[in-house]
Amino acid sequence: MLALRFAAVLGLVFWLGGLAALGAIAAPAIFDVLGARGGDGRALAGAVFGETLARFHVATYICGAVILASLAARGVLGPRPRRFLARLILSGLMIAATAWSGFVLVPAIQNAQRTLGVSPSTLPEGDPRRAAFGRLHAISTSLQLVPLLGGLVLLFFELKD
């Protein structure tokens, strides 16, 4: 049981730490450094961060699988963890939000960038294409709150057991 709990906690820590590192450190640094170059710097920053996020999504799918497998094994081998159903639902929501981001939103953002041919930030404020891109970006950013908050709750549950 200890090894199964450790695997779940490790998956949660990697997922949560990655979200925090990407959102608070990597994205701002990438856009600050490459965006300061002018010209296509912001577009390059978007491409770099997009690829980083795509690779991180693969890692989070693995983390989600480890978390679910650990929960399932603990449920079968017994005793079931407290709040077992809540943990399964939270894990599922975290994976679903990440999958939606990775399989729907990221391709939509990449398609919008290709279609524009320029960095959306170079378009005039009132341009509907810039607004549409901004909405996609806002949804993508907000969606990351699901695994972040869900992961914190799951981590709290693990620490209480």
Foldseek 3Di string as FASTA:
>chain_A
DVVLLVLLLVLLCLLQVVVCCLVPPVLVVQCVVQVVVPDQSNVVSVVVSLVVLLVVLVSNVVSLVSNVVSQVVDVVVDDHQPPSVVLVVLSVLLNVLSCCLNVPLSVVLVVLCVVVVGPLVVDDPPDVSSVVSVVSVVSSNVSNVSSNVSSVVVSVSSVVD
